[in-house]
């Protein structure tokens, strides 16, 4: 049986108060500050409230704040990638550089892909980001691809 992390300290930021410890209603919280994770210290930190579309069981989610930190590779390189699902990013259709910037805005895990043609793996032509079971193949130079790591950790209230 695995060990569990124990959170020794957390605080909730709310619109009604600057900092409220443990007694705030998560439904109105704007952020979360977490410390005390012993097994995954890199997850300690500040979390922003997720978009309304990302509610879990009707409760808000809190995503690790990355600030201005980049989450995708610096530039896309020749190759190909496959993924379970793809989302077209029209704002990145102008070039591989524009596509990399559009993928960065998404702040999500996956494969950033730019190509003038759709792939056999289901990626649309233009700019897109693929998620789920991504696989990179540098031996195929049919498009420009790069890895995006997204935000590391998400909290939600049950």
N, C-alpha and C. Protein backbone atom coordinates (compact mmCIF):
# COMPACT_ATOMS: atom_id res chain seq x y z
N UNK A 1 0.83 -1.16 0.00
CA UNK A 1 0.00 0.00 0.00
C UNK A 1 0.89 1.24 0.00
N UNK A 2 0.55 2.22 -0.85
CA UNK A 2 1.35 3.42 -0.98
C UNK A 2 1.15 4.38 0.18
N UNK A 3 2.10 5.29 0.29
CA UNK A 3 1.98 6.31 1.33
C UNK A 3 1.21 7.50 0.78
N UNK A 4 0.56 8.22 1.65
CA UNK A 4 -0.20 9.39 1.24
C UNK A 4 0.54 10.65 1.69
N UNK A 5 0.33 11.70 0.94
CA UNK A 5 0.87 12.99 1.35
C UNK A 5 -0.01 13.59 2.42
N UNK A 6 0.59 14.30 3.31
CA UNK A 6 -0.17 15.00 4.33
C UNK A 6 0.08 16.49 4.15
N UNK A 7 -0.98 17.23 4.00
CA UNK A 7 -0.86 18.67 3.87
C UNK A 7 -0.86 19.25 5.27
N UNK A 8 0.22 19.93 5.63
CA UNK A 8 0.31 20.48 6.98
C UNK A 8 -0.19 21.91 7.06
N UNK A 9 -0.30 22.57 5.92
CA UNK A 9 -0.73 23.96 5.96
C UNK A 9 -1.36 24.34 4.63
N UNK A 10 -2.49 25.02 4.69
CA UNK A 10 -3.03 25.60 3.48
C UNK A 10 -3.83 26.84 3.83
N UNK A 11 -3.92 27.73 2.88
CA UNK A 11 -4.68 28.96 3.05
C UNK A 11 -5.48 29.20 1.78
N UNK A 12 -6.61 29.80 1.92
CA UNK A 12 -7.48 30.08 0.78
C UNK A 12 -7.61 31.58 0.61
N UNK A 13 -7.43 32.06 -0.62
CA UNK A 13 -7.61 33.47 -0.92
C UNK A 13 -9.02 33.65 -1.44
N UNK A 14 -9.71 34.60 -0.90
CA UNK A 14 -11.10 34.81 -1.26
C UNK A 14 -11.31 36.27 -1.60
N UNK A 15 -12.40 36.55 -2.31
CA UNK A 15 -12.70 37.93 -2.65
C UNK A 15 -13.17 38.70 -1.42
N UNK A 16 -13.58 38.00 -0.37
CA UNK A 16 -14.10 38.67 0.83
C UNK A 16 -13.03 38.97 1.85
N UNK A 17 -11.88 38.37 1.74
CA UNK A 17 -10.81 38.62 2.70
C UNK A 17 -9.47 38.37 2.04
N UNK A 18 -8.45 39.00 2.52
CA UNK A 18 -7.12 38.84 1.97
C UNK A 18 -6.62 37.40 2.12
N UNK A 19 -6.74 36.85 3.29
CA UNK A 19 -6.27 35.48 3.55
C UNK A 19 -7.16 34.87 4.63
N UNK A 20 -7.74 33.73 4.33
CA UNK A 20 -8.62 33.06 5.28
C UNK A 20 -8.12 31.64 5.43
N UNK A 21 -7.84 31.21 6.64
CA UNK A 21 -7.31 29.87 6.88
C UNK A 21 -8.43 28.86 7.09
N UNK A 22 -8.49 27.84 6.25
CA UNK A 22 -9.31 26.65 6.42
C UNK A 22 -10.82 26.86 6.58
N UNK A 23 -11.29 28.07 6.79
CA UNK A 23 -12.71 28.25 7.04
C UNK A 23 -13.43 28.91 5.87
N UNK A 24 -12.72 29.15 4.80
CA UNK A 24 -13.33 29.83 3.66
C UNK A 24 -14.17 28.87 2.82
N UNK A 25 -15.20 29.39 2.21
CA UNK A 25 -16.03 28.63 1.28
C UNK A 25 -15.28 28.55 -0.05
N UNK A 26 -14.91 27.36 -0.49
CA UNK A 26 -14.15 27.20 -1.72
C UNK A 26 -14.91 27.70 -2.94
N UNK A 27 -16.23 27.82 -2.84
CA UNK A 27 -17.03 28.28 -3.97
C UNK A 27 -16.68 29.71 -4.36
N UNK A 28 -16.17 30.52 -3.43
CA UNK A 28 -15.82 31.90 -3.73
C UNK A 28 -14.31 32.15 -3.68
N UNK A 29 -13.53 31.13 -3.44
CA UNK A 29 -12.08 31.28 -3.34
C UNK A 29 -11.48 31.63 -4.69
N UNK A 30 -10.50 32.52 -4.69
CA UNK A 30 -9.79 32.90 -5.91
C UNK A 30 -8.48 32.16 -6.07
N UNK A 31 -7.95 31.62 -4.98
CA UNK A 31 -6.68 30.92 -5.04
C UNK A 31 -6.44 30.10 -3.80
N UNK A 32 -5.35 29.36 -3.81
CA UNK A 32 -5.03 28.45 -2.73
C UNK A 32 -3.52 28.46 -2.55
N UNK A 33 -3.04 28.53 -1.31
CA UNK A 33 -1.61 28.44 -1.02
C UNK A 33 -1.42 27.16 -0.22
N UNK A 34 -0.50 26.30 -0.66
CA UNK A 34 -0.34 24.99 -0.06
C UNK A 34 1.11 24.77 0.35
N UNK A 35 1.31 24.19 1.53
CA UNK A 35 2.65 23.81 1.94
C UNK A 35 2.54 22.57 2.82
N UNK A 36 3.62 21.86 2.94
CA UNK A 36 3.65 20.70 3.82
C UNK A 36 3.58 19.37 3.11
N UNK A 37 3.61 19.34 1.78
CA UNK A 37 3.62 18.05 1.07
C UNK A 37 5.02 17.46 1.21
N UNK A 38 5.12 16.32 1.87
CA UNK A 38 6.44 15.76 2.12
C UNK A 38 6.98 14.92 0.97
N UNK A 39 6.12 14.24 0.23
CA UNK A 39 6.60 13.37 -0.84
C UNK A 39 6.78 14.10 -2.16
N UNK A 40 6.07 15.21 -2.36
CA UNK A 40 6.16 15.95 -3.61
C UNK A 40 6.33 17.44 -3.32
N UNK A 41 7.48 17.84 -2.77
CA UNK A 41 7.66 19.24 -2.39
C UNK A 41 7.53 20.21 -3.56
N UNK A 42 7.74 19.75 -4.79
CA UNK A 42 7.62 20.66 -5.93
C UNK A 42 6.18 21.10 -6.15
N UNK A 43 5.21 20.40 -5.56
CA UNK A 43 3.80 20.79 -5.69
C UNK A 43 3.38 21.81 -4.65
N UNK A 44 4.21 22.09 -3.67
CA UNK A 44 3.90 23.14 -2.71
C UNK A 44 3.92 24.47 -3.44
N UNK A 45 3.01 25.36 -3.10
CA UNK A 45 3.02 26.66 -3.74
C UNK A 45 1.65 27.27 -3.87
N UNK A 46 1.53 28.14 -4.84
CA UNK A 46 0.30 28.91 -5.06
C UNK A 46 -0.47 28.32 -6.23
N UNK A 47 -1.78 28.23 -6.06
CA UNK A 47 -2.67 27.68 -7.09
C UNK A 47 -3.75 28.70 -7.41
N UNK A 48 -4.00 28.90 -8.70
CA UNK A 48 -5.04 29.82 -9.16
C UNK A 48 -6.34 29.06 -9.37
N UNK A 49 -7.45 29.75 -9.20
CA UNK A 49 -8.75 29.14 -9.46
C UNK A 49 -8.86 28.84 -10.95
N UNK A 50 -9.28 27.63 -11.29
CA UNK A 50 -9.43 27.22 -12.68
C UNK A 50 -10.66 27.84 -13.32
N UNK A 51 -10.76 27.78 -14.65
CA UNK A 51 -11.93 28.30 -15.34
C UNK A 51 -13.21 27.59 -14.90
N UNK A 52 -14.33 28.26 -15.00
CA UNK A 52 -15.62 27.69 -14.61
C UNK A 52 -15.90 26.38 -15.35
N UNK A 53 -15.39 26.26 -16.56
CA UNK A 53 -15.61 25.04 -17.34
C UNK A 53 -14.93 23.82 -16.72
N UNK A 54 -14.00 24.04 -15.80
CA UNK A 54 -13.26 22.94 -15.20
C UNK A 54 -13.72 22.61 -13.78
N UNK A 55 -15.00 22.81 -13.49
CA UNK A 55 -15.54 22.41 -12.19
C UNK A 55 -15.51 20.89 -12.07
N UNK A 56 -15.30 20.38 -10.87
CA UNK A 56 -15.36 18.95 -10.59
C UNK A 56 -16.39 18.75 -9.49
N UNK A 57 -17.39 17.97 -9.74
CA UNK A 57 -18.48 17.75 -8.78
C UNK A 57 -19.10 19.06 -8.32
N UNK A 58 -19.17 20.02 -9.25
CA UNK A 58 -19.76 21.31 -8.94
C UNK A 58 -18.87 22.24 -8.12
N UNK A 59 -17.65 21.82 -7.83
CA UNK A 59 -16.72 22.61 -7.02
C UNK A 59 -15.60 23.14 -7.90
N UNK A 60 -15.01 24.29 -7.54
CA UNK A 60 -13.92 24.86 -8.34
C UNK A 60 -12.64 24.02 -8.26
N UNK A 61 -11.83 24.13 -9.28
CA UNK A 61 -10.51 23.49 -9.28
C UNK A 61 -9.45 24.57 -9.07
N UNK A 62 -8.30 24.17 -8.58
CA UNK A 62 -7.18 25.09 -8.35
C UNK A 62 -5.96 24.52 -9.06
N UNK A 63 -5.41 25.30 -10.00
CA UNK A 63 -4.29 24.88 -10.85
C UNK A 63 -3.02 25.55 -10.39
N UNK A 64 -1.92 24.81 -10.41
CA UNK A 64 -0.64 25.36 -9.98
C UNK A 64 -0.32 26.61 -10.80
N UNK A 65 -0.02 27.69 -10.10
CA UNK A 65 0.31 28.96 -10.76
C UNK A 65 1.70 28.85 -11.38
N UNK A 66 1.80 29.17 -12.65
CA UNK A 66 3.09 29.10 -13.33
C UNK A 66 3.62 30.48 -13.69
N UNK A 67 2.82 31.52 -13.45
CA UNK A 67 3.27 32.88 -13.73
C UNK A 67 3.69 33.03 -15.18
N UNK A 68 4.86 33.62 -15.39
CA UNK A 68 5.35 33.82 -16.75
C UNK A 68 6.21 32.65 -17.22
N UNK A 69 6.35 31.63 -16.42
CA UNK A 69 7.14 30.44 -16.78
C UNK A 69 6.55 29.79 -18.03
N UNK A 70 7.41 29.43 -18.97
CA UNK A 70 6.92 28.77 -20.18
C UNK A 70 6.61 27.31 -19.89
N UNK A 71 5.66 26.77 -20.62
CA UNK A 71 5.29 25.36 -20.43
C UNK A 71 5.54 24.53 -21.68
N UNK A 72 5.88 25.17 -22.79
CA UNK A 72 6.19 24.45 -24.03
C UNK A 72 7.66 24.66 -24.39
N UNK A 73 8.17 23.82 -25.28
CA UNK A 73 9.54 23.95 -25.76
C UNK A 73 9.72 25.34 -26.38
N UNK A 74 10.98 25.79 -26.45
CA UNK A 74 11.26 27.12 -26.96
C UNK A 74 10.86 27.29 -28.43
N UNK A 75 11.09 26.26 -29.24
CA UNK A 75 10.65 26.32 -30.64
C UNK A 75 10.36 24.92 -31.14
N UNK A 76 9.44 24.84 -32.10
CA UNK A 76 9.05 23.55 -32.66
C UNK A 76 10.14 23.06 -33.61
N UNK A 77 10.35 21.74 -33.65
CA UNK A 77 11.35 21.15 -34.53
C UNK A 77 10.70 20.12 -35.45
N UNK A 78 11.39 19.77 -36.53
CA UNK A 78 10.85 18.82 -37.50
C UNK A 78 10.60 17.47 -36.83
N UNK A 79 9.46 16.87 -37.14
CA UNK A 79 9.10 15.58 -36.57
C UNK A 79 7.61 15.35 -36.72
N UNK A 80 7.10 14.39 -36.01
CA UNK A 80 5.67 14.09 -36.01
C UNK A 80 5.30 13.59 -34.63
N UNK A 81 4.05 13.70 -34.28
CA UNK A 81 3.58 13.16 -33.01
C UNK A 81 2.16 12.66 -33.16
N UNK A 82 1.80 11.76 -32.27
CA UNK A 82 0.43 11.23 -32.25
C UNK A 82 -0.14 11.45 -30.86
N UNK A 83 -1.47 11.52 -30.79
CA UNK A 83 -2.16 11.73 -29.51
C UNK A 83 -3.57 11.19 -29.63
N UNK A 84 -4.23 10.98 -28.49
CA UNK A 84 -5.61 10.48 -28.49
C UNK A 84 -6.61 11.51 -29.00
N UNK A 85 -6.41 12.78 -28.68
CA UNK A 85 -7.35 13.81 -29.13
C UNK A 85 -6.59 15.07 -29.51
N UNK A 86 -7.19 15.85 -30.40
CA UNK A 86 -6.55 17.06 -30.92
C UNK A 86 -7.50 18.25 -30.81
N UNK A 87 -6.94 19.42 -30.53
CA UNK A 87 -7.68 20.67 -30.52
C UNK A 87 -6.99 21.62 -31.49
N UNK A 88 -7.75 22.10 -32.48
CA UNK A 88 -7.20 23.06 -33.45
C UNK A 88 -7.00 24.41 -32.77
N UNK A 89 -5.87 25.05 -33.04
CA UNK A 89 -5.56 26.37 -32.49
C UNK A 89 -5.39 27.34 -33.66
N UNK A 90 -6.48 27.91 -34.12
CA UNK A 90 -6.52 28.74 -35.31
C UNK A 90 -5.57 29.93 -35.22
N UNK A 91 -5.38 30.48 -34.03
CA UNK A 91 -4.50 31.63 -33.87
C UNK A 91 -3.05 31.31 -34.20
N UNK A 92 -2.70 30.03 -34.27
CA UNK A 92 -1.33 29.63 -34.57
C UNK A 92 -1.11 29.16 -35.99
N UNK A 93 -2.09 29.34 -36.85
CA UNK A 93 -1.99 28.81 -38.22
C UNK A 93 -1.01 29.54 -39.12
N UNK A 94 -0.50 30.70 -38.71
CA UNK A 94 0.38 31.49 -39.57
C UNK A 94 1.78 30.91 -39.78
N UNK A 95 2.34 30.30 -38.75
CA UNK A 95 3.71 29.78 -38.84
C UNK A 95 3.97 28.84 -37.66
N UNK A 96 5.11 28.17 -37.70
CA UNK A 96 5.49 27.30 -36.59
C UNK A 96 5.71 28.12 -35.32
N UNK A 97 6.25 29.34 -35.47
CA UNK A 97 6.46 30.21 -34.30
C UNK A 97 5.13 30.64 -33.71
N UNK A 98 4.18 31.02 -34.56
CA UNK A 98 2.84 31.42 -34.08
C UNK A 98 2.15 30.24 -33.42
N UNK A 99 2.36 29.04 -33.94
CA UNK A 99 1.75 27.84 -33.37
C UNK A 99 2.33 27.56 -31.98
N UNK A 100 3.64 27.69 -31.84
CA UNK A 100 4.27 27.47 -30.54
C UNK A 100 3.70 28.45 -29.52
N UNK A 101 3.49 29.69 -29.92
CA UNK A 101 2.93 30.70 -29.02
C UNK A 101 1.48 30.37 -28.67
N UNK A 102 0.70 29.88 -29.63
CA UNK A 102 -0.69 29.50 -29.37
C UNK A 102 -0.75 28.32 -28.40
N UNK A 103 0.15 27.36 -28.56
CA UNK A 103 0.20 26.22 -27.65
C UNK A 103 0.58 26.67 -26.24
N UNK A 104 1.49 27.62 -26.15
CA UNK A 104 1.92 28.14 -24.85
C UNK A 104 0.75 28.75 -24.09
N UNK A 105 -0.11 29.45 -24.79
CA UNK A 105 -1.28 30.09 -24.17
C UNK A 105 -2.21 29.04 -23.56
N UNK A 106 -2.26 27.85 -24.13
CA UNK A 106 -3.14 26.79 -23.64
C UNK A 106 -2.74 26.26 -22.27
N UNK A 107 -1.46 26.34 -21.91
CA UNK A 107 -0.97 25.88 -20.60
C UNK A 107 -1.46 24.46 -20.27
N UNK A 108 -1.25 23.55 -21.22
CA UNK A 108 -1.70 22.18 -21.02
C UNK A 108 -0.64 21.19 -21.49
N UNK A 109 -0.73 19.95 -21.02
CA UNK A 109 0.19 18.90 -21.45
C UNK A 109 -0.15 18.48 -22.87
N UNK A 110 0.85 18.06 -23.62
CA UNK A 110 0.57 17.50 -24.92
C UNK A 110 1.62 17.78 -25.96
N UNK A 111 1.23 17.54 -27.20
CA UNK A 111 2.08 17.72 -28.36
C UNK A 111 1.59 18.93 -29.14
N UNK A 112 2.45 19.91 -29.31
CA UNK A 112 2.14 21.08 -30.13
C UNK A 112 2.59 20.74 -31.55
N UNK A 113 1.68 20.89 -32.52
CA UNK A 113 1.97 20.46 -33.91
C UNK A 113 1.57 21.53 -34.90
N UNK A 114 2.47 21.81 -35.87
CA UNK A 114 2.17 22.71 -36.97
C UNK A 114 2.51 22.01 -38.27
N UNK A 115 1.54 21.96 -39.18
CA UNK A 115 1.75 21.35 -40.48
C UNK A 115 0.70 21.87 -41.45
N UNK A 116 1.05 21.89 -42.72
CA UNK A 116 0.08 22.30 -43.74
C UNK A 116 -0.89 21.17 -44.07
N UNK A 117 -0.58 19.96 -43.62
CA UNK A 117 -1.43 18.80 -43.90
C UNK A 117 -1.86 18.12 -42.61
N UNK A 118 -3.05 17.50 -42.65
CA UNK A 118 -3.52 16.70 -41.52
C UNK A 118 -2.66 15.45 -41.41
N UNK A 119 -2.58 14.87 -40.23
CA UNK A 119 -1.79 13.65 -40.05
C UNK A 119 -2.67 12.42 -40.09
N UNK A 120 -2.04 11.29 -40.33
CA UNK A 120 -2.75 10.01 -40.31
C UNK A 120 -3.23 9.69 -38.89
N UNK A 121 -2.60 10.32 -37.88
CA UNK A 121 -2.97 10.08 -36.48
C UNK A 121 -4.15 10.95 -36.03
N UNK A 122 -4.72 11.74 -36.95
CA UNK A 122 -5.90 12.53 -36.61
C UNK A 122 -5.68 14.00 -36.32
N UNK A 123 -4.45 14.47 -36.39
CA UNK A 123 -4.19 15.89 -36.15
C UNK A 123 -4.65 16.69 -37.36
N UNK A 124 -5.35 17.80 -37.14
CA UNK A 124 -5.80 18.61 -38.27
C UNK A 124 -4.65 19.39 -38.90
N UNK A 125 -4.86 19.87 -40.13
CA UNK A 125 -3.87 20.74 -40.77
C UNK A 125 -3.83 22.06 -40.00
N UNK A 126 -2.70 22.72 -40.04
CA UNK A 126 -2.54 23.98 -39.32
C UNK A 126 -1.94 23.72 -37.95
N UNK A 127 -2.30 24.53 -37.00
CA UNK A 127 -1.78 24.43 -35.63
C UNK A 127 -2.77 23.67 -34.76
N UNK A 128 -2.24 22.77 -33.94
CA UNK A 128 -3.10 22.03 -33.00
C UNK A 128 -2.27 21.53 -31.83
N UNK A 129 -2.99 21.18 -30.76
CA UNK A 129 -2.33 20.57 -29.61
C UNK A 129 -3.02 19.25 -29.33
N UNK A 130 -2.23 18.19 -29.19
CA UNK A 130 -2.76 16.85 -28.95
C UNK A 130 -2.54 16.43 -27.51
N UNK A 131 -3.52 15.73 -26.96
CA UNK A 131 -3.45 15.28 -25.57
C UNK A 131 -3.70 13.79 -25.48
N UNK A 132 -3.15 13.16 -24.46
CA UNK A 132 -3.39 11.75 -24.17
C UNK A 132 -2.52 10.81 -24.97
N UNK A 133 -1.69 10.07 -24.28
CA UNK A 133 -0.80 9.08 -24.90
C UNK A 133 -0.02 9.65 -26.09
N UNK A 134 0.61 10.79 -25.86
CA UNK A 134 1.38 11.41 -26.93
C UNK A 134 2.66 10.62 -27.20
N UNK A 135 3.03 10.58 -28.47
CA UNK A 135 4.24 9.89 -28.90
C UNK A 135 4.93 10.76 -29.93
N UNK A 136 6.22 11.02 -29.73
CA UNK A 136 6.99 11.86 -30.65
C UNK A 136 7.89 11.00 -31.52
N UNK A 137 7.93 11.32 -32.80
CA UNK A 137 8.75 10.58 -33.76
C UNK A 137 9.61 11.57 -34.53
N UNK A 138 10.88 11.69 -34.14
CA UNK A 138 11.79 12.65 -34.78
C UNK A 138 12.24 12.18 -36.16
N UNK A 139 12.04 10.90 -36.49
CA UNK A 139 12.49 10.39 -37.78
C UNK A 139 11.57 10.82 -38.93
N UNK A 140 10.37 11.28 -38.61
CA UNK A 140 9.44 11.75 -39.64
C UNK A 140 9.40 13.27 -39.62
N UNK A 141 9.74 13.89 -40.72
CA UNK A 141 9.84 15.34 -40.78
C UNK A 141 8.67 15.96 -41.54
N UNK A 142 7.48 15.44 -41.33
CA UNK A 142 6.31 15.92 -42.06
C UNK A 142 5.66 17.14 -41.44
N UNK A 143 6.08 17.52 -40.24
CA UNK A 143 5.51 18.68 -39.56
C UNK A 143 6.52 19.22 -38.56
N UNK A 144 6.12 20.26 -37.84
CA UNK A 144 6.94 20.80 -36.76
C UNK A 144 6.21 20.52 -35.45
N UNK A 145 6.92 19.94 -34.50
CA UNK A 145 6.29 19.53 -33.24
C UNK A 145 7.13 19.95 -32.03
N UNK A 146 6.49 19.95 -30.88
CA UNK A 146 7.18 20.24 -29.64
C UNK A 146 6.35 19.79 -28.45
N UNK A 147 7.01 19.53 -27.35
CA UNK A 147 6.34 19.04 -26.15
C UNK A 147 5.93 20.21 -25.26
N UNK A 148 4.71 20.12 -24.73
CA UNK A 148 4.22 21.08 -23.74
C UNK A 148 3.95 20.32 -22.45
N UNK A 149 4.39 20.87 -21.33
CA UNK A 149 4.24 20.16 -20.05
C UNK A 149 3.06 20.64 -19.23
N UNK A 150 2.49 21.78 -19.54
CA UNK A 150 1.31 22.24 -18.82
C UNK A 150 1.56 22.53 -17.36
N UNK A 151 0.49 22.54 -16.60
CA UNK A 151 0.57 22.79 -15.16
C UNK A 151 0.70 21.46 -14.45
N UNK A 152 1.49 21.45 -13.41
CA UNK A 152 1.88 20.19 -12.79
C UNK A 152 0.81 19.52 -11.92
N UNK A 153 -0.10 20.27 -11.32
CA UNK A 153 -0.95 19.65 -10.32
C UNK A 153 -2.24 20.41 -10.17
N UNK A 154 -3.33 19.69 -9.91
CA UNK A 154 -4.65 20.31 -9.76
C UNK A 154 -5.29 19.81 -8.48
N UNK A 155 -5.93 20.72 -7.74
CA UNK A 155 -6.71 20.36 -6.55
C UNK A 155 -8.18 20.59 -6.82
N UNK A 156 -9.03 19.81 -6.22
CA UNK A 156 -10.46 20.10 -6.24
C UNK A 156 -11.05 19.62 -4.92
N UNK A 157 -12.20 20.16 -4.58
CA UNK A 157 -12.87 19.80 -3.34
C UNK A 157 -13.93 18.75 -3.62
N UNK A 158 -13.95 17.71 -2.83
CA UNK A 158 -14.94 16.65 -3.04
C UNK A 158 -16.25 16.98 -2.37
